[in-house]
Amino acid sequence: MALGPQELLVIFGLALLLFGPQKIPQFAQALGQAHAKYRQGLNQVSKSITEGTGSDTDPALTPEEQEIIRAAKAKGIPTEHRSIEAIAQDLLNSS
């Protein structure tokens, strides 16, 4: 349902009467900033869905530990429910 020019004119007129001409630019700016933040968040979610979130790695792991897990998975070494030490040992033994 789209608003026509008459409806927009009535809404603008009511806003002008209620808030005065000084507040309209402030409201418009706040609305624009809110819309920009909404779009930014939407883009981040969309990007994480299309690129993958790295959900196979735990964010609590250090970058080194995450690299060990990635290397182990690349070599076909199981990583689920195993300590990083056990994974690293298997990775060293497979070399």
N, C-alpha and C. Protein backbone atom coordinates (compact mmCIF):
# COMPACT_ATOMS: atom_id res chain seq x y z
N MET A 1 0.85 -1.17 0.00
CA MET A 1 0.00 0.00 0.00
C MET A 1 0.90 1.23 0.00
N ALA A 2 0.82 2.00 -1.05
CA ALA A 2 1.66 3.19 -1.20
C ALA A 2 0.85 4.43 -0.85
N LEU A 3 1.53 5.39 -0.30
CA LEU A 3 0.89 6.67 0.02
C LEU A 3 0.99 7.58 -1.19
N GLY A 4 -0.11 8.20 -1.52
CA GLY A 4 -0.13 9.14 -2.64
C GLY A 4 0.36 10.51 -2.20
N PRO A 5 0.47 11.44 -3.14
CA PRO A 5 0.96 12.78 -2.81
C PRO A 5 0.03 13.54 -1.84
N GLN A 6 -1.26 13.29 -1.95
CA GLN A 6 -2.19 13.98 -1.03
C GLN A 6 -2.01 13.50 0.41
N GLU A 7 -1.86 12.20 0.57
CA GLU A 7 -1.68 11.66 1.92
C GLU A 7 -0.37 12.15 2.53
N LEU A 8 0.69 12.18 1.72
CA LEU A 8 1.97 12.68 2.22
C LEU A 8 1.89 14.15 2.61
N LEU A 9 1.16 14.93 1.84
CA LEU A 9 0.99 16.36 2.14
C LEU A 9 0.23 16.54 3.46
N VAL A 10 -0.79 15.73 3.68
CA VAL A 10 -1.55 15.81 4.94
C VAL A 10 -0.66 15.42 6.12
N ILE A 11 0.12 14.35 5.98
CA ILE A 11 1.01 13.91 7.05
C ILE A 11 2.05 14.99 7.35
N PHE A 12 2.63 15.57 6.30
CA PHE A 12 3.62 16.63 6.50
C PHE A 12 2.98 17.85 7.18
N GLY A 13 1.77 18.20 6.78
CA GLY A 13 1.07 19.33 7.40
C GLY A 13 0.81 19.09 8.88
N LEU A 14 0.38 17.89 9.23
CA LEU A 14 0.13 17.56 10.64
C LEU A 14 1.43 17.59 11.44
N ALA A 15 2.50 17.07 10.87
CA ALA A 15 3.79 17.10 11.55
C ALA A 15 4.25 18.53 11.76
N LEU A 16 4.03 19.38 10.79
CA LEU A 16 4.42 20.79 10.91
C LEU A 16 3.62 21.48 12.01
N LEU A 17 2.34 21.17 12.09
CA LEU A 17 1.51 21.76 13.15
C LEU A 17 1.89 21.24 14.54
N LEU A 18 2.16 19.96 14.64
CA LEU A 18 2.46 19.37 15.93
C LEU A 18 3.84 19.75 16.46
N PHE A 19 4.84 19.74 15.60
CA PHE A 19 6.21 19.90 16.07
C PHE A 19 6.84 21.24 15.73
N GLY A 20 6.30 21.94 14.81
CA GLY A 20 6.86 23.23 14.43
C GLY A 20 7.94 23.08 13.38
N PRO A 21 8.24 24.15 12.68
CA PRO A 21 9.20 24.06 11.58
C PRO A 21 10.64 23.80 12.05
N GLN A 22 10.97 24.09 13.31
CA GLN A 22 12.33 23.89 13.78
C GLN A 22 12.65 22.40 13.99
N LYS A 23 11.66 21.61 14.37
CA LYS A 23 11.89 20.20 14.72
C LYS A 23 11.83 19.26 13.51
N ILE A 24 11.20 19.68 12.43
CA ILE A 24 11.05 18.80 11.27
C ILE A 24 12.41 18.35 10.72
N PRO A 25 13.39 19.23 10.51
CA PRO A 25 14.69 18.76 10.01
C PRO A 25 15.38 17.79 10.98
N GLN A 26 15.22 18.00 12.28
CA GLN A 26 15.82 17.10 13.26
C GLN A 26 15.20 15.71 13.17
N PHE A 27 13.88 15.66 13.02
CA PHE A 27 13.20 14.37 12.89
C PHE A 27 13.59 13.69 11.58
N ALA A 28 13.70 14.45 10.52
CA ALA A 28 14.09 13.88 9.24
C ALA A 28 15.50 13.31 9.32
N GLN A 29 16.41 14.02 9.98
CA GLN A 29 17.78 13.55 10.13
C GLN A 29 17.82 12.27 10.97
N ALA A 30 17.08 12.26 12.06
CA ALA A 30 17.04 11.07 12.91
C ALA A 30 16.45 9.88 12.15
N LEU A 31 15.42 10.13 11.36
CA LEU A 31 14.82 9.07 10.56
C LEU A 31 15.82 8.55 9.53
N GLY A 32 16.56 9.44 8.90
CA GLY A 32 17.57 9.03 7.92
C GLY A 32 18.68 8.22 8.56
N GLN A 33 19.12 8.61 9.76
CA GLN A 33 20.16 7.86 10.46
C GLN A 33 19.67 6.48 10.87
N ALA A 34 18.42 6.41 11.34
CA ALA A 34 17.85 5.12 11.73
C ALA A 34 17.74 4.21 10.51
N HIS A 35 17.33 4.77 9.38
CA HIS A 35 17.22 3.98 8.16
C HIS A 35 18.61 3.49 7.72
N ALA A 36 19.62 4.33 7.82
CA ALA A 36 20.98 3.94 7.43
C ALA A 36 21.49 2.81 8.33
N LYS A 37 21.24 2.89 9.64
CA LYS A 37 21.68 1.83 10.55
C LYS A 37 20.93 0.53 10.27
N TYR A 38 19.66 0.63 9.94
CA TYR A 38 18.87 -0.54 9.59
C TYR A 38 19.46 -1.21 8.35
N ARG A 39 19.76 -0.43 7.33
CA ARG A 39 20.33 -0.96 6.09
C ARG A 39 21.71 -1.58 6.36
N GLN A 40 22.51 -0.93 7.21
CA GLN A 40 23.83 -1.46 7.54
C GLN A 40 23.71 -2.82 8.23
N GLY A 41 22.81 -2.92 9.17
CA GLY A 41 22.59 -4.19 9.86
C GLY A 41 22.08 -5.26 8.91
N LEU A 42 21.18 -4.88 8.03
CA LEU A 42 20.64 -5.81 7.05
C LEU A 42 21.75 -6.30 6.11
N ASN A 43 22.63 -5.40 5.70
CA ASN A 43 23.74 -5.78 4.84
C ASN A 43 24.71 -6.72 5.56
N GLN A 44 24.96 -6.48 6.85
CA GLN A 44 25.85 -7.35 7.61
C GLN A 44 25.27 -8.75 7.73
N VAL A 45 23.98 -8.84 7.99
CA VAL A 45 23.33 -10.15 8.10
C VAL A 45 23.37 -10.85 6.74
N SER A 46 23.07 -10.13 5.70
CA SER A 46 23.09 -10.71 4.36
C SER A 46 24.49 -11.19 4.00
N LYS A 47 25.50 -10.39 4.32
CA LYS A 47 26.88 -10.76 4.03
C LYS A 47 27.29 -12.00 4.81
N SER A 48 26.91 -12.07 6.08
CA SER A 48 27.29 -13.23 6.89
C SER A 48 26.59 -14.49 6.40
N ILE A 49 25.40 -14.36 5.84
CA ILE A 49 24.69 -15.53 5.30
C ILE A 49 25.35 -15.99 4.02
N THR A 50 25.69 -15.06 3.13
CA THR A 50 26.25 -15.45 1.84
C THR A 50 27.70 -15.92 1.96
N GLU A 51 28.48 -15.32 2.83
CA GLU A 51 29.88 -15.70 2.97
C GLU A 51 30.09 -16.79 4.00
N GLY A 52 29.13 -17.02 4.83
CA GLY A 52 29.29 -17.97 5.92
C GLY A 52 29.84 -17.24 7.13
N THR A 53 29.41 -17.65 8.29
CA THR A 53 29.79 -16.94 9.50
C THR A 53 30.99 -17.57 10.19
N GLY A 54 31.49 -18.65 9.62
CA GLY A 54 32.57 -19.34 10.32
C GLY A 54 32.02 -20.06 11.53
N SER A 55 30.78 -20.54 11.42
CA SER A 55 30.13 -21.16 12.56
C SER A 55 30.81 -22.47 12.97
N ASP A 56 31.72 -22.98 12.11
CA ASP A 56 32.40 -24.21 12.46
C ASP A 56 33.57 -23.95 13.41
N THR A 57 33.88 -22.68 13.66
CA THR A 57 34.94 -22.35 14.61
C THR A 57 34.33 -21.61 15.78
N ASP A 58 34.89 -21.85 16.94
CA ASP A 58 34.42 -21.22 18.17
C ASP A 58 35.07 -19.84 18.31
N PRO A 59 34.28 -18.77 18.47
CA PRO A 59 34.88 -17.44 18.59
C PRO A 59 35.74 -17.29 19.85
N ALA A 60 35.61 -18.22 20.81
CA ALA A 60 36.43 -18.14 22.02
C ALA A 60 37.84 -18.66 21.77
N LEU A 61 38.05 -19.32 20.63
CA LEU A 61 39.38 -19.84 20.31
C LEU A 61 40.27 -18.72 19.79
N THR A 62 41.56 -18.89 20.03
CA THR A 62 42.52 -17.92 19.51
C THR A 62 42.66 -18.13 18.00
N PRO A 63 43.19 -17.15 17.28
CA PRO A 63 43.39 -17.35 15.83
C PRO A 63 44.28 -18.56 15.53
N GLU A 64 45.26 -18.81 16.37
CA GLU A 64 46.13 -19.97 16.16
C GLU A 64 45.36 -21.28 16.29
N GLU A 65 44.49 -21.34 17.31
CA GLU A 65 43.69 -22.55 17.51
C GLU A 65 42.71 -22.74 16.36
N GLN A 66 42.15 -21.65 15.87
CA GLN A 66 41.24 -21.75 14.73
C GLN A 66 41.98 -22.23 13.49
N GLU A 67 43.22 -21.79 13.32
CA GLU A 67 44.03 -22.24 12.18
C GLU A 67 44.35 -23.72 12.30
N ILE A 68 44.61 -24.21 13.50
CA ILE A 68 44.85 -25.64 13.72
C ILE A 68 43.62 -26.44 13.32
N ILE A 69 42.46 -25.97 13.72
CA ILE A 69 41.22 -26.67 13.37
C ILE A 69 41.00 -26.66 11.86
N ARG A 70 41.24 -25.51 11.21
CA ARG A 70 41.07 -25.44 9.75
C ARG A 70 42.03 -26.40 9.05
N ALA A 71 43.27 -26.44 9.50
CA ALA A 71 44.26 -27.33 8.89
C ALA A 71 43.88 -28.79 9.10
N ALA A 72 43.38 -29.12 10.30
CA ALA A 72 42.98 -30.49 10.58
C ALA A 72 41.80 -30.89 9.70
N LYS A 73 40.85 -30.01 9.54
CA LYS A 73 39.70 -30.33 8.68
C LYS A 73 40.13 -30.50 7.24
N ALA A 74 41.10 -29.71 6.81
CA ALA A 74 41.59 -29.83 5.44
C ALA A 74 42.25 -31.19 5.20
N LYS A 75 42.83 -31.76 6.25
CA LYS A 75 43.47 -33.07 6.14
C LYS A 75 42.52 -34.21 6.49
N GLY A 76 41.29 -33.89 6.82
CA GLY A 76 40.30 -34.91 7.14
C GLY A 76 40.37 -35.43 8.55
N ILE A 77 41.02 -34.69 9.43
CA ILE A 77 41.13 -35.09 10.83
C ILE A 77 39.88 -34.63 11.57
N PRO A 78 39.20 -35.54 12.30
CA PRO A 78 37.99 -35.13 13.02
C PRO A 78 38.31 -34.12 14.13
N THR A 79 37.44 -33.13 14.28
CA THR A 79 37.68 -32.08 15.28
C THR A 79 36.56 -31.94 16.29
N GLU A 80 35.41 -32.51 16.00
CA GLU A 80 34.26 -32.34 16.90
C GLU A 80 34.50 -33.00 18.26
N HIS A 81 34.19 -32.27 19.31
CA HIS A 81 34.26 -32.76 20.69
C HIS A 81 35.66 -33.26 21.07
N ARG A 82 36.68 -32.61 20.53
CA ARG A 82 38.05 -32.99 20.85
C ARG A 82 38.79 -31.75 21.32
N SER A 83 39.78 -31.96 22.16
CA SER A 83 40.57 -30.83 22.65
C SER A 83 41.50 -30.36 21.55
N ILE A 84 41.91 -29.12 21.65
CA ILE A 84 42.82 -28.55 20.65
C ILE A 84 44.16 -29.26 20.68
N GLU A 85 44.57 -29.73 21.85
CA GLU A 85 45.83 -30.46 21.97
C GLU A 85 45.78 -31.78 21.21
N ALA A 86 44.67 -32.49 21.32
CA ALA A 86 44.52 -33.77 20.62
C ALA A 86 44.47 -33.55 19.11
N ILE A 87 43.82 -32.50 18.70
CA ILE A 87 43.74 -32.18 17.27
C ILE A 87 45.13 -31.83 16.74
N ALA A 88 45.86 -31.01 17.51
CA ALA A 88 47.20 -30.61 17.08
C ALA A 88 48.12 -31.81 17.01
N GLN A 89 48.01 -32.73 17.97
CA GLN A 89 48.85 -33.93 17.97
C GLN A 89 48.57 -34.79 16.74
N ASP A 90 47.28 -34.97 16.42
CA ASP A 90 46.92 -35.73 15.21
C ASP A 90 47.43 -35.03 13.95
N LEU A 91 47.37 -33.72 13.97
CA LEU A 91 47.85 -32.95 12.82
C LEU A 91 49.36 -33.14 12.64
N LEU A 92 50.09 -33.10 13.74
CA LEU A 92 51.54 -33.33 13.68
C LEU A 92 51.87 -34.75 13.22
N ASN A 93 51.11 -35.73 13.70
CA ASN A 93 51.36 -37.13 13.34
C ASN A 93 51.03 -37.42 11.88
N SER A 94 50.13 -36.62 11.30
CA SER A 94 49.73 -36.87 9.91
C SER A 94 50.71 -36.27 8.93
N SER A 95 51.62 -35.44 9.38
CA SER A 95 52.57 -34.79 8.47
C SER A 95 53.65 -35.70 7.97
